[in-house]
Protein backbone atom coordinates (compact mmCIF):
# COMPACT_ATOMS: atom_id res chain seq x y z
CA UNK A 1 -6.33 -6.29 -15.29
CA UNK A 2 -6.73 -4.56 -18.56
CA UNK A 3 -2.98 -3.79 -19.26
CA UNK A 4 -2.11 -2.75 -22.77
CA UNK A 5 1.53 -2.18 -21.84
CA UNK A 6 2.00 -5.80 -20.64
CA UNK A 7 1.45 -7.05 -24.20
CA UNK A 8 4.27 -4.93 -25.48
CA UNK A 9 6.50 -6.14 -22.74
CA UNK A 10 5.57 -9.81 -23.43
CA UNK A 11 6.77 -9.64 -27.02
CA UNK A 12 10.16 -8.45 -25.78
CA UNK A 13 10.43 -10.85 -22.81
CA UNK A 14 9.29 -13.97 -24.69
CA UNK A 15 11.16 -13.49 -27.97
CA UNK A 16 14.49 -15.09 -26.98
CA UNK A 17 13.26 -17.71 -24.47
CA UNK A 18 12.03 -21.16 -25.20
CA UNK A 19 9.43 -21.19 -22.49
CA UNK A 20 6.86 -18.30 -22.90
CA UNK A 21 5.23 -16.50 -19.97
CA UNK A 22 1.67 -15.22 -20.12
CA UNK A 23 0.51 -11.71 -19.08
CA UNK A 24 -1.07 -12.85 -15.81
CA UNK A 25 2.02 -14.80 -14.80
CA UNK A 26 4.34 -11.95 -15.58
CA UNK A 27 2.25 -9.53 -13.57
CA UNK A 28 2.13 -11.95 -10.67
CA UNK A 29 6.01 -12.20 -10.84
CA UNK A 30 6.28 -8.40 -10.88
CA UNK A 31 4.03 -8.17 -7.88
CA UNK A 32 5.76 -11.07 -6.12
CA UNK A 33 2.52 -13.11 -6.01
CA UNK A 34 4.28 -16.05 -7.70
CA UNK A 35 7.80 -17.00 -6.88
CA UNK A 36 8.40 -19.92 -9.25
CA UNK A 37 12.03 -19.76 -10.18
CA UNK A 38 11.34 -21.01 -13.69
CA UNK A 39 10.16 -17.46 -14.42
CA UNK A 40 13.40 -15.81 -13.32
CA UNK A 41 14.82 -15.44 -16.86
CA UNK A 42 11.66 -13.69 -17.97
CA UNK A 43 11.65 -11.31 -15.05
CA UNK A 44 15.32 -10.50 -15.65
CA UNK A 45 14.55 -9.97 -19.33
CA UNK A 46 11.73 -7.69 -18.39
CA UNK A 47 14.02 -5.39 -16.45
CA UNK A 48 16.88 -5.70 -18.92
CA UNK A 49 15.11 -5.40 -22.21
CA UNK A 50 11.76 -3.67 -21.87
CA UNK A 51 11.87 0.05 -22.58
CA UNK A 52 11.25 2.60 -19.78
CA UNK A 53 8.34 3.97 -21.77
CA UNK A 54 6.55 0.64 -21.45
CA UNK A 55 7.50 0.44 -17.71
CA UNK A 56 6.07 3.92 -17.23
CA UNK A 57 2.88 2.98 -19.07
CA UNK A 58 2.45 -0.07 -16.78
CA UNK A 59 2.76 2.21 -13.70
CA UNK A 60 0.45 4.83 -15.15
CA UNK A 61 -2.28 2.36 -16.02
CA UNK A 62 -1.99 0.79 -12.59
CA UNK A 63 -0.64 -2.63 -13.50
CA UNK A 64 2.26 -2.24 -11.08
CA UNK A 65 3.80 0.47 -8.94
CA UNK A 66 7.36 1.77 -8.83
CA UNK A 67 7.52 0.19 -5.27
CA UNK A 68 6.37 -3.16 -6.81
CA UNK A 69 9.14 -2.99 -9.44
CA UNK A 70 11.80 -1.86 -6.91
CA UNK A 71 10.99 -4.71 -4.60
CA UNK A 72 10.85 -7.14 -7.46
CA UNK A 73 14.42 -6.16 -8.53
CA UNK A 74 15.69 -7.24 -5.15
CA UNK A 75 13.50 -10.32 -4.90
CA UNK A 76 14.44 -11.76 -8.24
CA UNK A 77 18.06 -10.68 -7.95
CA UNK A 78 18.03 -8.50 -11.03
CA UNK A 79 21.26 -6.64 -11.88
CA UNK A 80 21.06 -3.42 -9.74
CA UNK A 81 23.50 -1.65 -12.17
CA UNK A 82 21.11 -2.13 -15.12
CA UNK A 83 19.89 1.12 -16.56
CA UNK A 84 16.26 0.26 -16.04
CA UNK A 85 16.83 -0.82 -12.49
CA UNK A 86 18.57 2.40 -11.62
CA UNK A 87 15.74 4.39 -13.28
CA UNK A 88 13.11 2.44 -11.34
CA UNK A 89 14.98 3.08 -8.02
CA UNK A 90 15.06 6.78 -8.84
CA UNK A 91 11.44 6.89 -9.64
CA UNK A 92 10.50 4.96 -6.53
CA UNK A 93 12.51 7.38 -4.44
CA UNK A 94 10.57 10.35 -5.74
CA UNK A 95 7.62 11.02 -3.48
CA UNK A 96 4.50 12.22 -5.13
CA UNK A 97 3.55 15.49 -3.46
CA UNK A 98 0.13 15.73 -2.01
CA UNK A 99 -1.20 18.86 -0.40
CA UNK A 100 -0.96 18.88 3.34
CA UNK A 101 -4.25 19.66 4.86
CA UNK A 102 -3.09 22.98 6.34
CA UNK A 103 -1.23 23.91 3.08
CA UNK A 104 -4.33 23.18 1.02
CA UNK A 105 -6.41 25.47 3.16
CA UNK A 106 -3.94 28.26 2.82
CA UNK A 107 -2.75 28.32 6.46
CA UNK A 108 0.93 28.44 5.52
CA UNK A 109 0.26 31.71 3.69
CA UNK A 110 -1.60 33.32 6.48
CA UNK A 111 0.11 36.29 8.07
CA UNK A 112 0.41 36.13 11.83
């Protein structure tokens, strides 16, 4: 994964913690592919400290999805009242509109 945003997140996550996490491990935690509890403080710091602009960049570049992040919040027991957690839940709830086949062909505009 060629994530540029993960490096920005890592500087924020690792700064106050004695044990540093690497990019691959953090992404594995965010995708719930690793569940080692020693990374819990890092995951919590990710949701608490990393700016929404970086979270959005990670989603846009395909590192994670809003669904990944929403499920990770629950799995790692992140504070649901945190501002970033609320924002992620809202973004996950927004469905991306895709044209329905009949709408795309103009059927809904056809006069009967």
